């Protein structure tokens, strides 16, 4: 099982755990094959510039970032059976619905991970 990293927002490490999807298969499967408890984590899809909520059909908060981790676009929530993208994005971060607002995330913030 992959070791989970912690979310870093603007240089501050927080308690949210991040599931990294950095292979074609892990990005393709995404949350579709994950148990419900895993869907309550933050998912980092990299490289990625578009996501969908088809399988499972559930809403998400999605943040698109550049290579440096700067938030370029926030789609919160991305409703069920929808898709969103940003051509300039290098990564997409998927949060449970409502978490982007809870963490007061804004365009221009920086996201990364720590061990």
C-alpha atoms as a PDB file:
ATOM      1  CA  UNK A   1       0.000   0.000   0.000  1.00  0.00           C
ATOM      2  CA  UNK A   2       1.252   3.453  -0.918  1.00  0.00           C
ATOM      3  CA  UNK A   3       2.357   5.724   1.928  1.00  0.00           C
ATOM      4  CA  UNK A   4       0.059   8.746   2.160  1.00  0.00           C
ATOM      5  CA  UNK A   5       1.553  12.214   2.206  1.00  0.00           C
ATOM      6  CA  UNK A   6       0.164  15.275   3.988  1.00  0.00           C
ATOM      7  CA  UNK A   7      -1.268  18.346   2.294  1.00  0.00           C
ATOM      8  CA  UNK A   8       0.781  21.551   2.422  1.00  0.00           C
ATOM      9  CA  UNK A   9      -1.063  24.836   1.828  1.00  0.00           C
ATOM     10  CA  UNK A  10       1.092  27.940   1.308  1.00  0.00           C
ATOM     11  CA  UNK A  11       4.005  26.252   3.095  1.00  0.00           C
ATOM     12  CA  UNK A  12       1.980  25.019   6.088  1.00  0.00           C
ATOM     13  CA  UNK A  13       1.617  21.264   6.506  1.00  0.00           C
ATOM     14  CA  UNK A  14      -1.907  20.263   7.579  1.00  0.00           C
ATOM     15  CA  UNK A  15      -3.618  17.060   8.672  1.00  0.00           C
ATOM     16  CA  UNK A  16      -5.321  16.164   5.372  1.00  0.00           C
ATOM     17  CA  UNK A  17      -3.847  13.010   3.793  1.00  0.00           C
ATOM     18  CA  UNK A  18      -3.097  12.977   0.068  1.00  0.00           C
ATOM     19  CA  UNK A  19      -3.418   9.984  -2.270  1.00  0.00           C
ATOM     20  CA  UNK A  20      -1.032  10.551  -5.199  1.00  0.00           C
ATOM     21  CA  UNK A  21      -2.095   9.262  -8.635  1.00  0.00           C
ATOM     22  CA  UNK A  22       0.892   9.660 -10.927  1.00  0.00           C
ATOM     23  CA  UNK A  23       0.598   6.704 -13.293  1.00  0.00           C
ATOM     24  CA  UNK A  24      -1.801   6.313 -16.196  1.00  0.00           C
ATOM     25  CA  UNK A  25      -3.655   3.472 -14.457  1.00  0.00           C
ATOM     26  CA  UNK A  26      -3.951   5.230 -11.084  1.00  0.00           C
ATOM     27  CA  UNK A  27      -5.255   8.397 -12.770  1.00  0.00           C
ATOM     28  CA  UNK A  28      -7.644   6.418 -14.991  1.00  0.00           C
ATOM     29  CA  UNK A  29      -9.107   4.496 -12.049  1.00  0.00           C
ATOM     30  CA  UNK A  30      -9.023   7.480  -9.682  1.00  0.00           C
ATOM     31  CA  UNK A  31     -11.709   7.296  -7.028  1.00  0.00           C
ATOM     32  CA  UNK A  32     -13.806   4.882  -9.071  1.00  0.00           C
ATOM     33  CA  UNK A  33     -12.147   1.787  -7.586  1.00  0.00           C
ATOM     34  CA  UNK A  34     -11.524   3.280  -4.135  1.00  0.00           C
ATOM     35  CA  UNK A  35     -13.424   2.356  -0.970  1.00  0.00           C
ATOM     36  CA  UNK A  36     -15.702   5.083   0.411  1.00  0.00           C
ATOM     37  CA  UNK A  37     -13.280   5.932   3.228  1.00  0.00           C
ATOM     38  CA  UNK A  38     -10.520   6.653   0.672  1.00  0.00           C
ATOM     39  CA  UNK A  39     -12.789   9.113  -1.121  1.00  0.00           C
ATOM     40  CA  UNK A  40     -12.658  11.324   1.978  1.00  0.00           C
ATOM     41  CA  UNK A  41      -8.997  12.081   1.311  1.00  0.00           C
ATOM     42  CA  UNK A  42      -7.350  14.595  -1.002  1.00  0.00           C
ATOM     43  CA  UNK A  43      -6.382  13.096  -4.367  1.00  0.00           C
ATOM     44  CA  UNK A  44      -3.515  14.516  -6.416  1.00  0.00           C
ATOM     45  CA  UNK A  45      -3.667  13.603 -10.107  1.00  0.00           C
ATOM     46  CA  UNK A  46      -0.429  14.472 -11.852  1.00  0.00           C
ATOM     47  CA  UNK A  47      -0.030  15.092 -14.738  1.00  0.00           C
ATOM     48  CA  UNK A  48      -3.671  16.012 -15.249  1.00  0.00           C
ATOM     49  CA  UNK A  49      -5.567  18.945 -16.721  1.00  0.00           C
ATOM     50  CA  UNK A  50      -9.150  17.608 -16.741  1.00  0.00           C
ATOM     51  CA  UNK A  51     -11.352  15.492 -14.460  1.00  0.00           C
ATOM     52  CA  UNK A  52     -14.872  14.080 -14.455  1.00  0.00           C
ATOM     53  CA  UNK A  53     -17.389  12.868 -11.888  1.00  0.00           C
ATOM     54  CA  UNK A  54     -18.921  10.048 -13.925  1.00  0.00           C
ATOM     55  CA  UNK A  55     -17.799   6.966 -11.966  1.00  0.00           C
ATOM     56  CA  UNK A  56     -18.555   7.311  -9.106  1.00  0.00           C
ATOM     57  CA  UNK A  57     -21.200   9.925  -9.800  1.00  0.00           C
ATOM     58  CA  UNK A  58     -20.442  12.140  -6.814  1.00  0.00           C
ATOM     59  CA  UNK A  59     -19.548  15.826  -6.440  1.00  0.00           C
ATOM     60  CA  UNK A  60     -15.975  16.973  -5.718  1.00  0.00           C
ATOM     61  CA  UNK A  61     -14.061  20.188  -5.150  1.00  0.00           C
ATOM     62  CA  UNK A  62     -11.373  20.351  -7.841  1.00  0.00           C
ATOM     63  CA  UNK A  63      -8.358  22.656  -7.924  1.00  0.00           C
ATOM     64  CA  UNK A  64      -6.184  22.922 -11.025  1.00  0.00           C
ATOM     65  CA  UNK A  65      -2.543  23.908 -10.453  1.00  0.00           C
ATOM     66  CA  UNK A  66       0.508  24.765 -12.540  1.00  0.00           C
ATOM     67  CA  UNK A  67       3.847  22.912 -12.288  1.00  0.00           C
ATOM     68  CA  UNK A  68       4.824  24.950  -9.221  1.00  0.00           C
ATOM     69  CA  UNK A  69       1.625  24.081  -7.364  1.00  0.00           C
ATOM     70  CA  UNK A  70      -0.032  27.486  -7.761  1.00  0.00           C
ATOM     71  CA  UNK A  71      -3.823  27.218  -7.864  1.00  0.00           C
ATOM     72  CA  UNK A  72      -5.057  28.454 -11.253  1.00  0.00           C
ATOM     73  CA  UNK A  73      -8.720  27.448 -11.142  1.00  0.00           C
ATOM     74  CA  UNK A  74     -11.165  26.196  -8.516  1.00  0.00           C
ATOM     75  CA  UNK A  75     -14.320  24.283  -9.396  1.00  0.00           C
ATOM     76  CA  UNK A  76     -16.183  23.821  -6.131  1.00  0.00           C
ATOM     77  CA  UNK A  77     -18.278  21.855  -6.259  1.00  0.00           C
ATOM     78  CA  UNK A  78     -17.969  19.954  -9.494  1.00  0.00           C
ATOM     79  CA  UNK A  79     -21.370  18.267  -9.573  1.00  0.00           C
ATOM     80  CA  UNK A  80     -22.064  14.628 -10.324  1.00  0.00           C
ATOM     81  CA  UNK A  81     -21.953  13.619 -13.994  1.00  0.00           C
ATOM     82  CA  UNK A  82     -19.839  16.674 -14.938  1.00  0.00           C
ATOM     83  CA  UNK A  83     -16.313  17.408 -16.136  1.00  0.00           C
ATOM     84  CA  UNK A  84     -13.928  20.342 -15.806  1.00  0.00           C
ATOM     85  CA  UNK A  85     -10.510  21.151 -17.140  1.00  0.00           C
ATOM     86  CA  UNK A  86      -7.862  23.768 -17.680  1.00  0.00           C
ATOM     87  CA  UNK A  87      -5.420  23.390 -20.556  1.00  0.00           C
ATOM     88  CA  UNK A  88      -2.610  25.171 -18.648  1.00  0.00           C
ATOM     89  CA  UNK A  89      -2.886  22.903 -15.588  1.00  0.00           C
ATOM     90  CA  UNK A  90      -0.176  20.397 -14.690  1.00  0.00           C
ATOM     91  CA  UNK A  91      -2.135  18.787 -11.855  1.00  0.00           C
ATOM     92  CA  UNK A  92      -5.630  18.439 -10.462  1.00  0.00           C
ATOM     93  CA  UNK A  93      -6.374  18.154  -6.758  1.00  0.00           C
ATOM     94  CA  UNK A  94      -9.658  16.497  -5.794  1.00  0.00           C
ATOM     95  CA  UNK A  95     -11.143  17.299  -2.389  1.00  0.00           C
ATOM     96  CA  UNK A  96     -14.351  16.056  -0.797  1.00  0.00           C
ATOM     97  CA  UNK A  97     -17.169  18.541  -1.488  1.00  0.00           C
ATOM     98  CA  UNK A  98     -17.035  21.664   0.692  1.00  0.00           C
ATOM     99  CA  UNK A  99     -13.404  21.252   1.762  1.00  0.00           C
ATOM    100  CA  UNK A 100     -12.016  23.985  -0.532  1.00  0.00           C
ATOM    101  CA  UNK A 101     -14.250  26.519   1.230  1.00  0.00           C
ATOM    102  CA  UNK A 102     -13.507  25.004   4.645  1.00  0.00           C
ATOM    103  CA  UNK A 103      -9.769  25.477   4.023  1.00  0.00           C
ATOM    104  CA  UNK A 104     -10.367  28.947   2.470  1.00  0.00           C
ATOM    105  CA  UNK A 105      -8.480  27.941  -0.674  1.00  0.00           C
ATOM    106  CA  UNK A 106      -8.146  30.649  -3.324  1.00  0.00           C
ATOM    107  CA  UNK A 107      -6.572  31.078  -6.751  1.00  0.00           C
ATOM    108  CA  UNK A 108      -2.920  31.981  -6.212  1.00  0.00           C
ATOM    109  CA  UNK A 109      -2.477  29.688  -3.193  1.00  0.00           C
ATOM    110  CA  UNK A 110       0.250  27.036  -3.408  1.00  0.00           C
ATOM    111  CA  UNK A 111      -0.390  23.325  -2.825  1.00  0.00           C
ATOM    112  CA  UNK A 112       2.197  20.623  -2.269  1.00  0.00           C
ATOM    113  CA  UNK A 113       2.796  17.595  -0.057  1.00  0.00           C
ATOM    114  CA  UNK A 114       5.115  16.582   2.772  1.00  0.00           C
ATOM    115  CA  UNK A 115       5.944  13.162   4.210  1.00  0.00           C
END
